[in-house]
């Protein structure tokens, strides 16, 4: 007798073994929690004792903490473009925030939610979008059934460019003085999750915390009386609020009986802008908008109860581009040959099925800054550096303090050649940021938003 297996059952057999994989397992639910400007070193599980983050830390306790997790871009909009397409955003010109301010995520790029809808998934985006503000670029036009959040960066109280697609796809004014985005996003996410009636779901929850402006309700500020610096105290309060919000969402997944059938990611969109918000990048050199490690290296947690190990660390490089192929593999959707994804399915690596590196090389380009990593060696040109390619061995110099370029000219030439070949494949930026102006023009974006 010949046994036919769905792709999902085949995945279960490979990942979990014949004895433990159910023959009629439902497609997994999928949850991405995306933090904004968090900083590599700010979570408890990343070594910060000052600000308790027990709910976010639970993902590390019950899942895998990737110690060398990266994003494909060093700040807001391009990072999201890479996350939702699985492709380097520079491949399609999405190098700067200005792309989202002027147009949006290129319409010829297929998004993760659009792929999942073909499999019958319910999809929702709750939080900060930052991938375009006109009708063709809104979340509800790019694969999401529902959108509740802001089109770009915003205050936490009285947010700007706010849309609730249950009411309209037009920007609406938020007048409630107690409305705080972090709490409101958790409330809507919980409501949406409780409304699911058996179909698989994908929830994308991109908080605007910890992005400026620093704002927090008094009840969260009161948790940190020992922090005397006003800016740092507010940052701590914001992070505590986000941790509570994450806890509410994870508790709901558990309450609806879906914890063991939900693949959860917690990733930050880029490194922290320390001078602006006090966000800390730990031992890493550089910050948001630089190609030193402090720009693209971020907290990166993955949990799937019963499917991947609990309480483990994974110490080889992974990147947010891996989310799309990993989720599609988990959902049983083969990736078509023409998709040209830059990420890979990392579940076999997290479970120990695969022992090699998910990526032998990784690349970054941000204007005149760039970097290539091969193995543990990184060649980088970054703001705050010498202006010339600098070479570091991240295995023994994660802080990028000892430039080895002069001592290793052959390695510099090898990495330069790899970068040049990759760079030649990238598109020119479709829009460039204005100097010293990385913030979206909120009034212009609001004016462009479509009517209901």
Protein backbone atom coordinates (compact mmCIF):
# COMPACT_ATOMS: atom_id res chain seq x y z
CA UNK A 1 0.00 0.00 0.00
CA UNK A 2 1.34 3.44 -0.94
CA UNK A 3 0.98 6.18 1.69
CA UNK A 4 0.59 9.73 0.40
CA UNK A 5 1.65 12.54 2.73
CA UNK A 6 0.87 16.21 2.53
CA UNK A 7 3.92 18.52 2.57
CA UNK A 8 3.12 19.39 6.18
CA UNK A 9 3.08 15.74 7.24
CA UNK A 10 6.36 15.18 5.42
CA UNK A 11 7.86 18.09 7.34
CA UNK A 12 6.63 16.59 10.62
CA UNK A 13 8.17 13.24 9.77
CA UNK A 14 11.50 14.83 8.95
CA UNK A 15 11.60 17.25 11.88
CA UNK A 16 9.98 15.22 14.61
CA UNK A 17 10.34 11.58 13.64
CA UNK A 18 7.67 9.05 12.67
CA UNK A 19 6.84 8.16 16.24
CA UNK A 20 6.06 11.70 17.37
CA UNK A 21 4.57 13.35 14.28
CA UNK A 22 0.78 13.21 13.99
CA UNK A 23 -0.47 11.98 10.62
CA UNK A 24 -3.15 14.69 10.41
CA UNK A 25 -1.43 17.69 11.95
CA UNK A 26 -2.97 21.04 11.15
CA UNK A 27 -0.86 23.67 9.41
CA UNK A 28 0.99 25.71 12.03
CA UNK A 29 -0.05 29.17 13.10
CA UNK A 30 2.59 31.83 12.55
CA UNK A 31 3.45 34.83 14.72
CA UNK A 32 6.12 37.47 14.12
CA UNK A 33 6.77 40.03 16.86
CA UNK A 34 9.00 42.81 15.54
CA UNK A 35 10.51 45.35 17.92
CA UNK A 36 11.67 48.79 16.79
CA UNK A 37 15.10 50.26 17.67
CA UNK A 38 15.41 47.89 20.62
CA UNK A 39 19.17 47.44 20.89
CA UNK A 40 21.03 44.14 21.01
CA UNK A 41 21.66 44.16 24.75
CA UNK A 42 18.38 45.34 26.26
CA UNK A 43 16.47 42.12 27.02
CA UNK A 44 16.97 40.10 30.15
CA UNK A 45 17.85 37.05 28.04
CA UNK A 46 20.47 39.18 26.28
CA UNK A 47 22.11 40.06 29.58
CA UNK A 48 20.37 43.24 30.78
CA UNK A 49 19.59 43.04 34.54
CA UNK A 50 18.13 46.57 34.74
CA UNK A 51 14.83 46.10 32.86
CA UNK A 52 12.91 42.87 33.53
CA UNK A 53 11.46 41.34 30.34
CA UNK A 54 10.07 37.99 31.57
CA UNK A 55 7.52 37.46 28.79
CA UNK A 56 9.94 38.08 25.95
CA UNK A 57 12.57 36.08 27.80
CA UNK A 58 10.12 33.16 27.95
CA UNK A 59 10.60 32.75 24.20
CA UNK A 60 14.29 32.12 24.84
CA UNK A 61 13.50 29.84 27.78
CA UNK A 62 10.97 27.80 25.78
CA UNK A 63 12.70 28.11 22.41
CA UNK A 64 16.01 29.03 20.83
CA UNK A 65 17.99 32.25 21.22
CA UNK A 66 20.07 32.93 18.13
CA UNK A 67 23.20 34.67 19.37
CA UNK A 68 24.20 35.79 15.89
CA UNK A 69 20.84 36.96 14.56
CA UNK A 70 20.92 39.66 11.89
CA UNK A 71 18.61 41.80 9.82
CA UNK A 72 19.31 42.55 6.17
CA UNK A 73 19.18 46.32 6.61
CA UNK A 74 20.26 48.67 9.36
CA UNK A 75 17.07 50.62 9.87
CA UNK A 76 13.30 50.70 9.73
CA UNK A 77 11.63 50.38 6.33
CA UNK A 78 14.29 48.33 4.49
CA UNK A 79 14.45 45.90 7.40
CA UNK A 80 10.72 45.29 7.07
CA UNK A 81 10.98 44.96 3.30
CA UNK A 82 13.52 42.18 3.76
CA UNK A 83 11.50 40.46 6.47
CA UNK A 84 8.28 40.22 4.45
CA UNK A 85 9.85 39.26 1.12
CA UNK A 86 12.76 37.02 2.14
CA UNK A 87 15.00 39.00 -0.24
CA UNK A 88 17.73 41.55 0.27
CA UNK A 89 15.83 44.85 0.02
CA UNK A 90 18.65 46.29 -2.09
CA UNK A 91 17.74 43.78 -4.80
CA UNK A 92 14.63 45.83 -5.54
CA UNK A 93 15.84 49.32 -4.64
CA UNK A 94 14.43 49.46 -1.10
CA UNK A 95 17.62 50.75 0.49
CA UNK A 96 16.29 53.78 2.39
CA UNK A 97 13.22 54.90 4.35
CA UNK A 98 12.55 57.39 1.57
CA UNK A 99 11.20 54.53 -0.54
CA UNK A 100 8.32 54.04 1.89
CA UNK A 101 7.78 57.80 2.15
CA UNK A 102 7.54 58.26 -1.62
CA UNK A 103 6.01 54.98 -2.82
CA UNK A 104 6.33 51.73 -0.87
CA UNK A 105 7.37 48.10 -1.06
CA UNK A 106 7.76 47.37 -4.78
CA UNK A 107 4.55 45.96 -6.21
CA UNK A 108 6.40 43.24 -8.12
CA UNK A 109 7.61 41.74 -4.84
CA UNK A 110 5.49 38.94 -3.35
CA UNK A 111 4.93 39.21 0.40
CA UNK A 112 4.75 36.48 3.01
CA UNK A 113 1.06 37.10 3.82
CA UNK A 114 0.16 36.96 0.12
CA UNK A 115 1.85 33.56 -0.11
CA UNK A 116 0.12 32.32 3.04
CA UNK A 117 -3.33 33.42 1.88
CA UNK A 118 -2.95 30.99 -1.01
CA UNK A 119 -2.80 28.27 1.67
CA UNK A 120 -5.96 29.44 3.41
CA UNK A 121 -4.35 31.45 6.20
CA UNK A 122 -6.12 34.32 7.92
CA UNK A 123 -3.68 37.23 8.10
CA UNK A 124 -3.42 40.41 10.16
CA UNK A 125 -0.90 43.20 10.63
CA UNK A 126 -1.11 45.04 13.94
CA UNK A 127 1.41 47.82 14.50
CA UNK A 128 3.83 49.94 12.49
CA UNK A 129 3.74 49.28 8.73
CA UNK A 130 6.32 51.63 7.13
CA UNK A 131 6.12 50.06 3.68
CA UNK A 132 3.99 52.64 1.88
CA UNK A 133 1.02 54.88 2.58
CA UNK A 134 -1.06 54.98 -0.61
CA UNK A 135 -3.73 52.49 -1.66
CA UNK A 136 -1.61 49.98 -3.63
CA UNK A 137 0.94 49.74 -0.82
CA UNK A 138 -1.30 49.42 2.25
CA UNK A 139 -1.13 46.17 4.24
CA UNK A 140 -4.63 45.22 3.08
CA UNK A 141 -3.38 45.43 -0.52
CA UNK A 142 -0.28 43.33 0.18
CA UNK A 143 -1.82 40.17 1.63
CA UNK A 144 -3.22 41.14 5.02
CA UNK A 145 -6.93 40.68 5.72
CA UNK A 146 -6.79 43.30 8.44
CA UNK A 147 -4.61 46.23 9.48
CA UNK A 148 -4.65 48.11 12.76
CA UNK A 149 -1.77 50.50 13.24
CA UNK A 150 0.22 53.36 11.79
CA UNK A 151 1.69 53.82 8.34
CA UNK A 152 5.10 54.90 9.67
CA UNK A 153 6.84 56.30 12.75
CA UNK A 154 4.51 57.97 15.21
CA UNK A 155 4.00 59.23 18.76
CA UNK A 156 2.72 56.58 21.17
CA UNK A 157 -0.03 58.85 22.46
CA UNK A 158 -2.31 60.38 19.82
CA UNK A 159 -0.59 58.40 17.03
CA UNK A 160 -0.46 59.88 13.55
CA UNK A 161 -1.33 58.14 10.26
CA UNK A 162 -3.46 55.62 12.13
CA UNK A 163 -5.72 53.15 10.30
CA UNK A 164 -8.24 50.61 11.58
CA UNK A 165 -9.28 48.64 8.52
CA UNK A 166 -12.36 47.32 10.32
CA UNK A 167 -13.67 50.86 10.00
CA UNK A 168 -11.91 52.21 6.91
CA UNK A 169 -8.63 52.24 5.03
CA UNK A 170 -8.44 56.01 5.52
CA UNK A 171 -6.25 57.65 8.14
CA UNK A 172 -8.27 58.43 11.27
CA UNK A 173 -7.68 60.70 14.22
CA UNK A 174 -7.08 59.07 17.61
CA UNK A 175 -8.54 61.35 20.28
CA UNK A 176 -8.61 59.05 23.32
CA UNK A 177 -6.05 60.54 25.76
CA UNK A 178 -5.38 57.11 27.26
CA UNK A 179 -4.69 55.42 23.93
CA UNK A 180 -1.12 54.09 24.01
CA UNK A 181 0.01 52.22 20.92
CA UNK A 182 1.82 49.37 22.67
CA UNK A 183 -1.20 48.51 24.80
CA UNK A 184 -3.67 49.08 21.98
CA UNK A 185 -1.76 46.76 19.67
CA UNK A 186 -1.85 43.99 22.25
CA UNK A 187 -5.58 44.49 22.76
CA UNK A 188 -6.32 44.26 19.03
CA UNK A 189 -3.99 41.30 18.56
CA UNK A 190 -5.72 39.42 21.39
CA UNK A 191 -9.14 40.25 19.97
CA UNK A 192 -8.12 39.06 16.51
CA UNK A 193 -6.65 35.83 17.84
CA UNK A 194 -9.78 35.03 19.81
CA UNK A 195 -11.81 35.49 16.66
CA UNK A 196 -10.07 32.75 14.73
CA UNK A 197 -12.39 29.83 14.09
CA UNK A 198 -10.24 26.93 13.08
CA UNK A 199 -8.37 28.27 10.06
CA UNK A 200 -4.59 28.64 10.31
CA UNK A 201 -3.49 32.19 11.03
CA UNK A 202 -0.56 34.54 10.56
CA UNK A 203 -0.21 37.54 12.88
CA UNK A 204 2.45 40.15 12.18
CA UNK A 205 2.91 42.35 15.26
CA UNK A 206 5.46 45.11 14.58
CA UNK A 207 5.50 47.34 17.67
CA UNK A 208 6.70 50.93 17.35
CA UNK A 209 8.43 50.44 20.71
CA UNK A 210 11.31 51.29 21.30
CA UNK A 211 11.42 53.97 18.60
CA UNK A 212 11.47 57.66 19.51
CA UNK A 213 9.69 59.69 20.77
CA UNK A 214 10.17 58.24 24.23
CA UNK A 215 6.70 58.11 25.80
CA UNK A 216 5.15 55.89 28.45
CA UNK A 217 2.14 55.85 30.80
CA UNK A 218 2.85 56.74 34.39
CA UNK A 219 2.08 53.23 35.64
CA UNK A 220 5.09 51.91 33.70
CA UNK A 221 7.33 54.78 34.75
CA UNK A 222 6.45 53.93 38.36
CA UNK A 223 8.08 50.53 37.93
CA UNK A 224 11.53 52.12 37.73
CA UNK A 225 11.92 54.61 40.60
CA UNK A 226 15.60 53.78 40.88
CA UNK A 227 16.45 55.05 37.39
CA UNK A 228 17.16 58.75 37.81
CA UNK A 229 17.94 59.60 34.20
CA UNK A 230 14.59 60.69 32.69
CA UNK A 231 15.32 59.40 29.21
CA UNK A 232 16.53 56.03 30.44
CA UNK A 233 13.59 55.67 32.81
CA UNK A 234 11.15 56.28 29.97
CA UNK A 235 12.97 53.79 27.75
CA UNK A 236 12.70 51.20 30.54
CA UNK A 237 9.00 51.93 30.97
CA UNK A 238 8.39 51.52 27.24
CA UNK A 239 10.21 48.20 27.18
CA UNK A 240 8.29 46.99 30.21
CA UNK A 241 5.04 47.93 28.47
CA UNK A 242 6.07 46.01 25.35
CA UNK A 243 6.99 43.00 27.46
CA UNK A 244 3.54 43.07 29.07
CA UNK A 245 1.96 43.32 25.61
CA UNK A 246 3.96 40.33 24.38
CA UNK A 247 2.85 38.43 27.47
CA UNK A 248 -0.81 39.15 26.73
CA UNK A 249 -0.45 37.82 23.20
CA UNK A 250 1.46 34.69 24.23
CA UNK A 251 -1.06 34.02 27.01
CA UNK A 252 -3.88 34.26 24.46
CA UNK A 253 -2.19 31.81 22.09
CA UNK A 254 -1.95 29.45 25.05
CA UNK A 255 -5.54 30.10 26.15
CA UNK A 256 -6.99 29.25 22.73
CA UNK A 257 -5.07 25.97 22.79
CA UNK A 258 -2.64 26.85 20.01
CA UNK A 259 0.73 27.11 21.78
CA UNK A 260 2.02 23.78 20.47
CA UNK A 261 0.91 24.59 16.95
CA UNK A 262 2.34 28.10 16.70
CA UNK A 263 5.76 29.11 15.39
CA UNK A 264 6.78 32.36 17.10
CA UNK A 265 9.54 34.81 16.21
CA UNK A 266 10.76 37.80 18.19
CA UNK A 267 13.21 39.94 16.23
CA UNK A 268 14.29 43.58 16.42
CA UNK A 269 14.29 45.61 13.21
CA UNK A 270 17.83 46.97 13.71
CA UNK A 271 20.32 47.92 16.36
CA UNK A 272 19.58 50.61 18.88
CA UNK A 273 20.26 54.33 18.35
CA UNK A 274 21.96 54.67 21.72
CA UNK A 275 22.52 58.42 21.73
CA UNK A 276 18.88 59.11 20.90
CA UNK A 277 17.08 56.69 23.20
CA UNK A 278 19.69 55.11 25.56
CA UNK A 279 19.23 51.75 23.80
CA UNK A 280 22.22 49.52 24.43
CA UNK A 281 23.94 47.26 21.90
CA UNK A 282 26.03 45.39 24.45
CA UNK A 283 29.58 44.68 23.32
CA UNK A 284 28.84 45.55 19.70
CA UNK A 285 30.41 48.48 17.90
CA UNK A 286 28.12 50.89 16.09
CA UNK A 287 24.44 51.67 16.15
CA UNK A 288 21.34 51.84 14.00
CA UNK A 289 22.21 53.02 10.47
CA UNK A 290 25.76 51.68 10.56
CA UNK A 291 27.17 48.47 9.12
CA UNK A 292 29.26 47.71 12.19
CA UNK A 293 27.70 44.87 14.20
CA UNK A 294 25.62 47.28 16.29
CA UNK A 295 23.56 48.13 13.20
CA UNK A 296 22.33 44.79 11.79
CA UNK A 297 22.87 42.39 14.72
CA UNK A 298 19.72 42.07 16.83
CA UNK A 299 17.85 39.97 19.40
CA UNK A 300 16.51 36.95 17.53
CA UNK A 301 14.31 34.40 19.34
CA UNK A 302 12.38 31.46 17.87
CA UNK A 303 9.88 29.23 19.67
CA UNK A 304 7.79 26.29 18.51
CA UNK A 305 6.86 24.20 21.50
CA UNK A 306 7.57 20.54 20.94
CA UNK A 307 9.15 21.13 17.54
CA UNK A 308 12.41 22.91 18.32
CA UNK A 309 14.54 22.57 21.48
CA UNK A 310 13.74 24.63 24.55
CA UNK A 311 16.29 26.76 26.36
CA UNK A 312 19.00 26.40 23.75
CA UNK A 313 21.22 28.88 21.97
CA UNK A 314 22.09 28.72 18.30
CA UNK A 315 25.48 30.25 17.58
CA UNK A 316 25.75 30.40 13.78
CA UNK A 317 24.56 33.42 11.77
CA UNK A 318 20.91 33.66 10.77
CA UNK A 319 19.06 36.60 9.27
CA UNK A 320 15.51 37.96 9.09
CA UNK A 321 15.46 36.90 5.42
CA UNK A 322 15.14 33.34 6.75
CA UNK A 323 11.67 33.96 8.17
CA UNK A 324 9.81 33.66 4.84
CA UNK A 325 11.32 30.35 3.65
CA UNK A 326 11.16 28.88 7.16
CA UNK A 327 7.49 29.72 7.56
CA UNK A 328 6.61 28.51 4.09
CA UNK A 329 8.39 25.22 4.72
CA UNK A 330 6.55 24.83 8.02
CA UNK A 331 3.24 25.56 6.28
CA UNK A 332 3.97 22.96 3.63
CA UNK A 333 4.27 25.34 0.68
CA UNK A 334 7.13 24.55 -1.72
CA UNK A 335 9.07 27.62 -2.73
CA UNK A 336 8.87 28.07 -6.48
CA UNK A 337 12.15 28.15 -8.37
CA UNK A 338 11.58 31.67 -9.59
CA UNK A 339 11.11 33.13 -6.12
CA UNK A 340 14.84 33.93 -5.83
CA UNK A 341 14.71 34.13 -2.04
CA UNK A 342 17.90 35.01 -0.18
CA UNK A 343 16.85 33.37 3.06
CA UNK A 344 16.82 29.66 3.90
CA UNK A 345 14.69 27.35 6.00
CA UNK A 346 16.48 27.36 9.36
CA UNK A 347 14.25 24.89 11.22
CA UNK A 348 16.56 21.95 10.41
CA UNK A 349 19.42 23.99 11.87
CA UNK A 350 17.51 24.90 15.03
CA UNK A 351 16.43 21.29 15.58
CA UNK A 352 19.91 19.89 14.96
CA UNK A 353 18.90 18.07 11.78
CA UNK A 354 21.37 20.20 9.81
CA UNK A 355 24.84 20.94 11.17
CA UNK A 356 26.31 23.24 8.54
CA UNK A 357 26.05 27.01 8.37
CA UNK A 358 22.71 28.34 7.14
CA UNK A 359 24.69 31.10 5.40
CA UNK A 360 28.30 30.99 4.36
CA UNK A 361 28.12 34.67 3.40
CA UNK A 362 25.91 37.62 4.36
CA UNK A 363 25.91 41.10 2.82
CA UNK A 364 24.79 44.62 3.67
CA UNK A 365 24.66 47.89 1.75
CA UNK A 366 23.46 51.21 3.12
CA UNK A 367 24.55 54.05 0.89
CA UNK A 368 28.33 54.42 1.13
CA UNK A 369 28.43 51.91 3.99
CA UNK A 370 28.67 48.20 3.28
CA UNK A 371 29.78 44.89 4.74
CA UNK A 372 30.29 41.27 3.84
CA UNK A 373 30.64 38.41 6.30
CA UNK A 374 32.08 35.04 5.29
CA UNK A 375 32.41 32.53 8.07
CA UNK A 376 33.69 34.53 11.02
CA UNK A 377 35.47 37.14 8.90
CA UNK A 378 33.84 40.48 8.15
CA UNK A 379 34.97 43.21 5.79
CA UNK A 380 33.22 46.48 6.50
CA UNK A 381 33.09 50.15 5.59
CA UNK A 382 31.00 51.96 8.19
CA UNK A 383 30.21 55.37 9.57
CA UNK A 384 32.60 56.01 12.45
CA UNK A 385 35.32 53.91 10.89
CA UNK A 386 38.39 54.75 8.85
CA UNK A 387 36.54 55.16 5.58
CA UNK A 388 38.48 52.21 4.14
CA UNK A 389 37.57 48.50 4.23
CA UNK A 390 38.31 47.14 7.70
CA UNK A 391 38.69 43.43 8.44
CA UNK A 392 37.59 41.74 11.65
CA UNK A 393 37.41 38.19 12.95
CA UNK A 394 34.11 38.17 14.82
CA UNK A 395 34.93 34.88 16.55
CA UNK A 396 37.46 36.62 18.80
CA UNK A 397 36.63 40.29 18.22
CA UNK A 398 32.87 40.77 18.27
CA UNK A 399 33.40 44.43 19.19
CA UNK A 400 35.30 45.05 15.94
CA UNK A 401 38.27 46.68 17.67
CA UNK A 402 41.25 45.02 15.94
CA UNK A 403 41.39 45.79 12.24
CA UNK A 404 43.25 42.94 10.50
CA UNK A 405 43.16 44.41 6.98
CA UNK A 406 46.86 45.28 6.82
CA UNK A 407 47.88 41.85 8.09
CA UNK A 408 45.48 39.86 5.86
CA UNK A 409 45.56 41.45 2.37
CA UNK A 410 44.60 38.20 0.62
CA UNK A 411 41.51 37.81 2.79
CA UNK A 412 40.58 41.44 2.18
CA UNK A 413 40.81 40.84 -1.57
CA UNK A 414 38.71 37.67 -1.33
CA UNK A 415 35.93 39.38 0.64
CA UNK A 416 36.05 42.48 -1.53
CA UNK A 417 35.55 40.30 -4.60
CA UNK A 418 32.56 38.57 -2.99
CA UNK A 419 30.99 41.90 -2.09
CA UNK A 420 31.59 43.39 -5.53
CA UNK A 421 29.90 40.42 -7.20
CA UNK A 422 26.89 40.65 -4.89
CA UNK A 423 26.71 44.42 -5.20
CA UNK A 424 26.59 44.15 -8.98
CA UNK A 425 23.35 42.17 -8.61
CA UNK A 426 21.64 44.85 -6.53
CA UNK A 427 19.36 47.56 -7.90
CA UNK A 428 20.06 51.26 -7.46
CA UNK A 429 18.01 52.91 -4.70
CA UNK A 430 14.54 53.82 -5.96
CA UNK A 431 14.59 56.81 -3.58
CA UNK A 432 17.27 58.33 -1.36
CA UNK A 433 16.90 59.87 2.06
CA UNK A 434 17.61 63.55 2.38
CA UNK A 435 20.78 64.28 4.36
CA UNK A 436 20.19 64.40 8.12
CA UNK A 437 16.50 63.67 7.58
CA UNK A 438 15.62 60.05 8.15
CA UNK A 439 12.15 60.69 9.56
CA UNK A 440 9.04 60.27 7.40
CA UNK A 441 7.04 63.32 6.45
CA UNK A 442 3.93 62.40 8.41
CA UNK A 443 1.74 65.20 7.06
CA UNK A 444 2.54 64.30 3.46
CA UNK A 445 1.92 60.61 4.04
CA UNK A 446 -1.38 61.33 5.79
CA UNK A 447 -2.51 63.49 2.88
CA UNK A 448 -1.72 60.68 0.43
CA UNK A 449 -3.69 58.05 2.35
CA UNK A 450 -6.79 56.88 0.48
CA UNK A 451 -10.33 57.63 1.44
CA UNK A 452 -12.63 54.86 2.60
